[in-house]
Amino acid sequence: MVSKAFKTCLLLIEKMVKHRIVGTVKQPREIVFINQIGKSDLENLIIRYIGADERTIRKYTRVCVQQKLLTPHITKNEEVKVYRVNLARADHEFRMVFGRPLKQLTLPEAKS
C-alpha cells in the first residue's frame, strides 16, 4: 500500500513536467534547465494543486525531498532556492504506483 502523500507527490512531479513548470529557473544567459524548479515555483504548484496552508507546503516539499524525487541543488544562506527534479526516479515510481509512465516532456521544436 502506498501513502496518499507519496501518490500526491508523484502527481505533483507530473504536473511539473506536463505544464512545463520544470525549467523556469533561468540563468544569466537565459539557459533553461528542464530538470530544475525554483522554490517559489514549487510552492506555487503545491498551492495550486494541493493546498495553500504553510504546513501543507512544507509537508509536500519535505516528502518529495525524503523520497528523492527532489534534491536541493542551489542554496543561498542555507536556504534552498532551486531543487533538482529526479525525473528517472519519478518515472520509475510512477510506473510502480500507477502502472503507467510519467507523461513525457515534449521540447519545443526548433525554428528553421
N, C-alpha and C. Protein backbone atom coordinates (compact mmCIF):
# COMPACT_ATOMS: atom_id res chain seq x y z
N MET A 1 0.84 -1.17 0.00
CA MET A 1 0.00 0.00 0.00
C MET A 1 0.89 1.24 0.00
N VAL A 2 0.52 2.22 -0.80
CA VAL A 2 1.29 3.45 -0.95
C VAL A 2 0.52 4.60 -0.30
N SER A 3 1.22 5.46 0.41
CA SER A 3 0.56 6.56 1.11
C SER A 3 -0.01 7.58 0.14
N LYS A 4 -1.04 8.26 0.60
CA LYS A 4 -1.67 9.30 -0.21
C LYS A 4 -0.69 10.45 -0.47
N ALA A 5 0.13 10.78 0.51
CA ALA A 5 1.10 11.87 0.35
C ALA A 5 2.11 11.53 -0.75
N PHE A 6 2.57 10.29 -0.81
CA PHE A 6 3.53 9.89 -1.84
C PHE A 6 2.88 9.93 -3.22
N LYS A 7 1.66 9.44 -3.33
CA LYS A 7 0.95 9.49 -4.61
C LYS A 7 0.76 10.94 -5.06
N THR A 8 0.42 11.79 -4.11
CA THR A 8 0.23 13.21 -4.43
C THR A 8 1.54 13.84 -4.90
N CYS A 9 2.66 13.46 -4.29
CA CYS A 9 3.96 13.97 -4.71
C CYS A 9 4.29 13.53 -6.14
N LEU A 10 3.98 12.29 -6.46
CA LEU A 10 4.20 11.82 -7.83
C LEU A 10 3.35 12.60 -8.82
N LEU A 11 2.11 12.85 -8.47
CA LEU A 11 1.23 13.62 -9.35
C LEU A 11 1.73 15.07 -9.47
N LEU A 12 2.32 15.59 -8.40
CA LEU A 12 2.89 16.93 -8.43
C LEU A 12 4.06 16.99 -9.41
N ILE A 13 4.92 15.98 -9.38
CA ILE A 13 6.05 15.92 -10.32
C ILE A 13 5.51 15.86 -11.75
N GLU A 14 4.45 15.09 -11.96
CA GLU A 14 3.86 15.01 -13.30
C GLU A 14 3.33 16.37 -13.73
N LYS A 15 2.75 17.11 -12.81
CA LYS A 15 2.26 18.46 -13.14
C LYS A 15 3.43 19.35 -13.56
N MET A 16 4.58 19.21 -12.88
CA MET A 16 5.76 19.99 -13.24
C MET A 16 6.15 19.71 -14.68
N VAL A 17 6.13 18.44 -15.05
CA VAL A 17 6.53 18.04 -16.40
C VAL A 17 5.46 18.43 -17.41
N LYS A 18 4.21 18.12 -17.09
CA LYS A 18 3.12 18.36 -18.02
C LYS A 18 2.94 19.83 -18.35
N HIS A 19 3.01 20.66 -17.35
CA HIS A 19 2.80 22.09 -17.56
C HIS A 19 4.09 22.83 -17.82
N ARG A 20 5.17 22.07 -17.93
CA ARG A 20 6.48 22.62 -18.26
C ARG A 20 6.90 23.69 -17.28
N ILE A 21 6.51 23.50 -16.02
CA ILE A 21 6.97 24.41 -14.98
C ILE A 21 8.38 24.03 -14.57
N VAL A 22 8.75 22.76 -14.80
CA VAL A 22 10.13 22.37 -14.60
C VAL A 22 10.94 23.18 -15.60
N GLY A 23 11.95 23.86 -15.14
CA GLY A 23 12.78 24.62 -16.04
C GLY A 23 12.47 26.11 -16.05
N THR A 24 11.76 26.60 -15.07
CA THR A 24 11.50 28.03 -15.04
C THR A 24 12.66 28.80 -14.40
N VAL A 25 13.62 28.07 -13.88
CA VAL A 25 14.79 28.72 -13.30
C VAL A 25 15.69 29.16 -14.46
N LYS A 26 15.98 30.45 -14.54
CA LYS A 26 16.78 30.97 -15.65
C LYS A 26 18.13 31.45 -15.15
N GLN A 27 19.13 31.10 -15.88
CA GLN A 27 20.49 31.53 -15.59
C GLN A 27 20.76 32.83 -16.35
N PRO A 28 21.87 33.52 -16.06
CA PRO A 28 22.14 34.81 -16.70
C PRO A 28 22.06 34.80 -18.23
N ARG A 29 22.41 33.72 -18.87
CA ARG A 29 22.36 33.65 -20.32
C ARG A 29 21.04 33.09 -20.83
N GLU A 30 20.03 33.10 -19.99
CA GLU A 30 18.70 32.62 -20.35
C GLU A 30 18.68 31.13 -20.71
N ILE A 31 19.57 30.37 -20.10
CA ILE A 31 19.57 28.92 -20.28
C ILE A 31 18.53 28.34 -19.34
N VAL A 32 17.61 27.54 -19.87
CA VAL A 32 16.54 26.96 -19.07
C VAL A 32 16.85 25.47 -18.90
N PHE A 33 16.85 25.01 -17.66
CA PHE A 33 17.13 23.62 -17.37
C PHE A 33 15.81 22.89 -17.11
N ILE A 34 15.60 21.78 -17.80
CA ILE A 34 14.32 21.08 -17.70
C ILE A 34 14.20 20.22 -16.46
N ASN A 35 15.30 20.03 -15.73
CA ASN A 35 15.23 19.17 -14.55
C ASN A 35 15.39 19.96 -13.25
N GLN A 36 15.08 21.24 -13.28
CA GLN A 36 15.19 22.06 -12.08
C GLN A 36 13.91 22.86 -11.88
N ILE A 37 13.62 23.16 -10.62
CA ILE A 37 12.48 24.00 -10.30
C ILE A 37 12.85 24.89 -9.12
N GLY A 38 12.50 26.15 -9.24
CA GLY A 38 12.76 27.10 -8.16
C GLY A 38 11.81 26.84 -7.00
N LYS A 39 12.25 27.24 -5.82
CA LYS A 39 11.44 27.03 -4.62
C LYS A 39 10.08 27.72 -4.74
N SER A 40 10.05 28.94 -5.25
CA SER A 40 8.78 29.66 -5.37
C SER A 40 7.86 28.98 -6.39
N ASP A 41 8.43 28.44 -7.48
CA ASP A 41 7.61 27.72 -8.46
C ASP A 41 7.02 26.45 -7.85
N LEU A 42 7.83 25.76 -7.05
CA LEU A 42 7.35 24.55 -6.38
C LEU A 42 6.23 24.90 -5.42
N GLU A 43 6.42 25.95 -4.64
CA GLU A 43 5.38 26.37 -3.70
C GLU A 43 4.09 26.76 -4.43
N ASN A 44 4.22 27.45 -5.55
CA ASN A 44 3.03 27.83 -6.33
C ASN A 44 2.29 26.61 -6.85
N LEU A 45 3.02 25.59 -7.28
CA LEU A 45 2.39 24.35 -7.74
C LEU A 45 1.63 23.68 -6.60
N ILE A 46 2.25 23.61 -5.44
CA ILE A 46 1.60 22.98 -4.29
C ILE A 46 0.35 23.77 -3.91
N ILE A 47 0.44 25.08 -3.92
CA ILE A 47 -0.72 25.91 -3.61
C ILE A 47 -1.83 25.68 -4.62
N ARG A 48 -1.49 25.61 -5.88
CA ARG A 48 -2.49 25.45 -6.93
C ARG A 48 -3.18 24.08 -6.91
N TYR A 49 -2.42 23.02 -6.70
CA TYR A 49 -2.97 21.67 -6.86
C TYR A 49 -3.22 20.91 -5.58
N ILE A 50 -2.63 21.35 -4.46
CA ILE A 50 -2.79 20.56 -3.22
C ILE A 50 -3.43 21.39 -2.12
N GLY A 51 -2.80 22.49 -1.76
CA GLY A 51 -3.35 23.32 -0.69
C GLY A 51 -2.44 24.49 -0.39
N ALA A 52 -3.02 25.55 0.17
CA ALA A 52 -2.29 26.79 0.37
C ALA A 52 -1.74 26.98 1.78
N ASP A 53 -2.07 26.09 2.69
CA ASP A 53 -1.60 26.22 4.06
C ASP A 53 -0.08 26.04 4.11
N GLU A 54 0.59 26.82 4.93
CA GLU A 54 2.05 26.75 5.04
C GLU A 54 2.53 25.36 5.46
N ARG A 55 1.78 24.70 6.35
CA ARG A 55 2.14 23.34 6.77
C ARG A 55 2.04 22.36 5.61
N THR A 56 1.06 22.55 4.75
CA THR A 56 0.90 21.69 3.57
C THR A 56 2.07 21.86 2.63
N ILE A 57 2.47 23.10 2.40
CA ILE A 57 3.61 23.38 1.52
C ILE A 57 4.87 22.71 2.06
N ARG A 58 5.13 22.88 3.37
CA ARG A 58 6.32 22.26 3.98
C ARG A 58 6.25 20.74 3.90
N LYS A 59 5.06 20.18 4.15
CA LYS A 59 4.90 18.72 4.15
C LYS A 59 5.23 18.12 2.80
N TYR A 60 4.65 18.65 1.74
CA TYR A 60 4.86 18.05 0.42
C TYR A 60 6.25 18.32 -0.12
N THR A 61 6.85 19.44 0.24
CA THR A 61 8.24 19.68 -0.12
C THR A 61 9.12 18.66 0.59
N ARG A 62 8.87 18.46 1.89
CA ARG A 62 9.65 17.50 2.68
C ARG A 62 9.51 16.08 2.15
N VAL A 63 8.30 15.66 1.82
CA VAL A 63 8.08 14.30 1.32
C VAL A 63 8.79 14.10 -0.02
N CYS A 64 8.71 15.08 -0.91
CA CYS A 64 9.41 14.97 -2.20
C CYS A 64 10.91 14.84 -2.02
N VAL A 65 11.46 15.59 -1.06
CA VAL A 65 12.90 15.51 -0.80
C VAL A 65 13.26 14.19 -0.13
N GLN A 66 12.47 13.75 0.85
CA GLN A 66 12.75 12.50 1.55
C GLN A 66 12.70 11.31 0.60
N GLN A 67 11.80 11.34 -0.35
CA GLN A 67 11.66 10.23 -1.29
C GLN A 67 12.57 10.37 -2.51
N LYS A 68 13.44 11.37 -2.47
CA LYS A 68 14.44 11.62 -3.52
C LYS A 68 13.83 11.92 -4.89
N LEU A 69 12.61 12.48 -4.89
CA LEU A 69 12.03 12.96 -6.13
C LEU A 69 12.60 14.35 -6.44
N LEU A 70 12.93 15.09 -5.39
CA LEU A 70 13.59 16.38 -5.49
C LEU A 70 14.83 16.36 -4.61
N THR A 71 15.89 17.00 -5.08
CA THR A 71 17.08 17.15 -4.25
C THR A 71 17.49 18.62 -4.26
N PRO A 72 17.91 19.15 -3.11
CA PRO A 72 18.36 20.53 -3.09
C PRO A 72 19.53 20.71 -4.05
N HIS A 73 19.47 21.74 -4.87
CA HIS A 73 20.50 21.93 -5.89
C HIS A 73 21.29 23.22 -5.65
N ILE A 74 20.59 24.34 -5.48
CA ILE A 74 21.25 25.61 -5.24
C ILE A 74 20.74 26.18 -3.93
N THR A 75 21.67 26.48 -3.04
CA THR A 75 21.28 27.06 -1.75
C THR A 75 21.94 28.43 -1.61
N LYS A 76 21.27 29.28 -0.87
CA LYS A 76 21.80 30.61 -0.59
C LYS A 76 21.48 30.92 0.86
N ASN A 77 22.49 31.21 1.64
CA ASN A 77 22.33 31.45 3.08
C ASN A 77 21.62 30.29 3.77
N GLU A 78 22.02 29.09 3.41
CA GLU A 78 21.49 27.84 3.98
C GLU A 78 19.99 27.64 3.70
N GLU A 79 19.47 28.32 2.71
CA GLU A 79 18.07 28.13 2.29
C GLU A 79 18.08 27.64 0.85
N VAL A 80 17.31 26.59 0.58
CA VAL A 80 17.27 26.03 -0.76
C VAL A 80 16.50 26.98 -1.67
N LYS A 81 17.12 27.34 -2.78
CA LYS A 81 16.49 28.22 -3.76
C LYS A 81 16.03 27.45 -4.99
N VAL A 82 16.75 26.36 -5.33
CA VAL A 82 16.44 25.57 -6.52
C VAL A 82 16.56 24.10 -6.17
N TYR A 83 15.59 23.32 -6.65
CA TYR A 83 15.60 21.86 -6.48
C TYR A 83 15.87 21.21 -7.83
N ARG A 84 16.59 20.10 -7.79
CA ARG A 84 16.76 19.28 -8.99
C ARG A 84 15.69 18.21 -8.96
N VAL A 85 15.01 18.03 -10.08
CA VAL A 85 13.95 17.04 -10.20
C VAL A 85 14.56 15.75 -10.72
N ASN A 86 14.37 14.65 -9.99
CA ASN A 86 14.89 13.36 -10.39
C ASN A 86 13.83 12.68 -11.26
N LEU A 87 13.85 12.99 -12.57
CA LEU A 87 12.83 12.50 -13.48
C LEU A 87 12.89 10.99 -13.66
N ALA A 88 14.09 10.41 -13.62
CA ALA A 88 14.22 8.96 -13.78
C ALA A 88 13.57 8.24 -12.60
N ARG A 89 13.83 8.69 -11.39
CA ARG A 89 13.22 8.07 -10.21
C ARG A 89 11.71 8.29 -10.21
N ALA A 90 11.28 9.49 -10.56
CA ALA A 90 9.85 9.77 -10.60
C ALA A 90 9.15 8.87 -11.61
N ASP A 91 9.76 8.67 -12.77
CA ASP A 91 9.16 7.79 -13.78
C ASP A 91 9.08 6.36 -13.28
N HIS A 92 10.15 5.89 -12.64
CA HIS A 92 10.15 4.52 -12.10
C HIS A 92 9.06 4.35 -11.05
N GLU A 93 9.00 5.28 -10.12
CA GLU A 93 7.99 5.20 -9.05
C GLU A 93 6.58 5.33 -9.62
N PHE A 94 6.42 6.18 -10.62
CA PHE A 94 5.11 6.36 -11.25
C PHE A 94 4.64 5.04 -11.87
N ARG A 95 5.56 4.34 -12.53
CA ARG A 95 5.21 3.04 -13.12
C ARG A 95 4.83 2.03 -12.04
N MET A 96 5.53 2.06 -10.92
CA MET A 96 5.24 1.11 -9.84
C MET A 96 3.89 1.40 -9.18
N VAL A 97 3.58 2.68 -8.97
CA VAL A 97 2.37 3.05 -8.24
C VAL A 97 1.14 3.08 -9.14
N PHE A 98 1.26 3.71 -10.31
CA PHE A 98 0.10 3.91 -11.18
C PHE A 98 0.04 2.98 -12.38
N GLY A 99 1.11 2.23 -12.63
CA GLY A 99 1.11 1.28 -13.73
C GLY A 99 1.23 1.93 -15.10
N ARG A 100 1.68 3.15 -15.14
CA ARG A 100 1.89 3.83 -16.42
C ARG A 100 3.09 4.76 -16.26
N PRO A 101 3.71 5.13 -17.38
CA PRO A 101 4.88 6.02 -17.27
C PRO A 101 4.47 7.45 -16.97
N LEU A 102 5.42 8.19 -16.47
CA LEU A 102 5.25 9.63 -16.26
C LEU A 102 5.03 10.26 -17.63
N LYS A 103 4.12 11.20 -17.73
CA LYS A 103 3.88 11.86 -19.02
C LYS A 103 5.19 12.44 -19.53
N GLN A 104 5.44 12.26 -20.81
CA GLN A 104 6.69 12.68 -21.41
C GLN A 104 6.76 14.19 -21.55
N LEU A 105 7.94 14.70 -21.36
CA LEU A 105 8.20 16.11 -21.57
C LEU A 105 8.44 16.31 -23.05
N THR A 106 7.72 17.20 -23.67
CA THR A 106 7.94 17.49 -25.08
C THR A 106 8.66 18.81 -25.20
N LEU A 107 9.75 18.80 -25.89
CA LEU A 107 10.54 20.01 -26.06
C LEU A 107 10.01 20.79 -27.25
N PRO A 108 10.11 22.10 -27.23
CA PRO A 108 9.64 22.88 -28.36
C PRO A 108 10.46 22.59 -29.59
N GLU A 109 9.81 22.62 -30.74
CA GLU A 109 10.52 22.35 -31.99
C GLU A 109 11.40 23.53 -32.36
N ALA A 110 12.55 23.23 -32.93
CA ALA A 110 13.47 24.28 -33.34
C ALA A 110 12.93 24.96 -34.58
N LYS A 111 13.04 26.28 -34.58
CA LYS A 111 12.58 27.04 -35.75
C LYS A 111 13.71 27.09 -36.76
N SER A 112 13.36 26.87 -38.03
CA SER A 112 14.39 26.88 -39.09
C SER A 112 14.59 28.26 -39.66
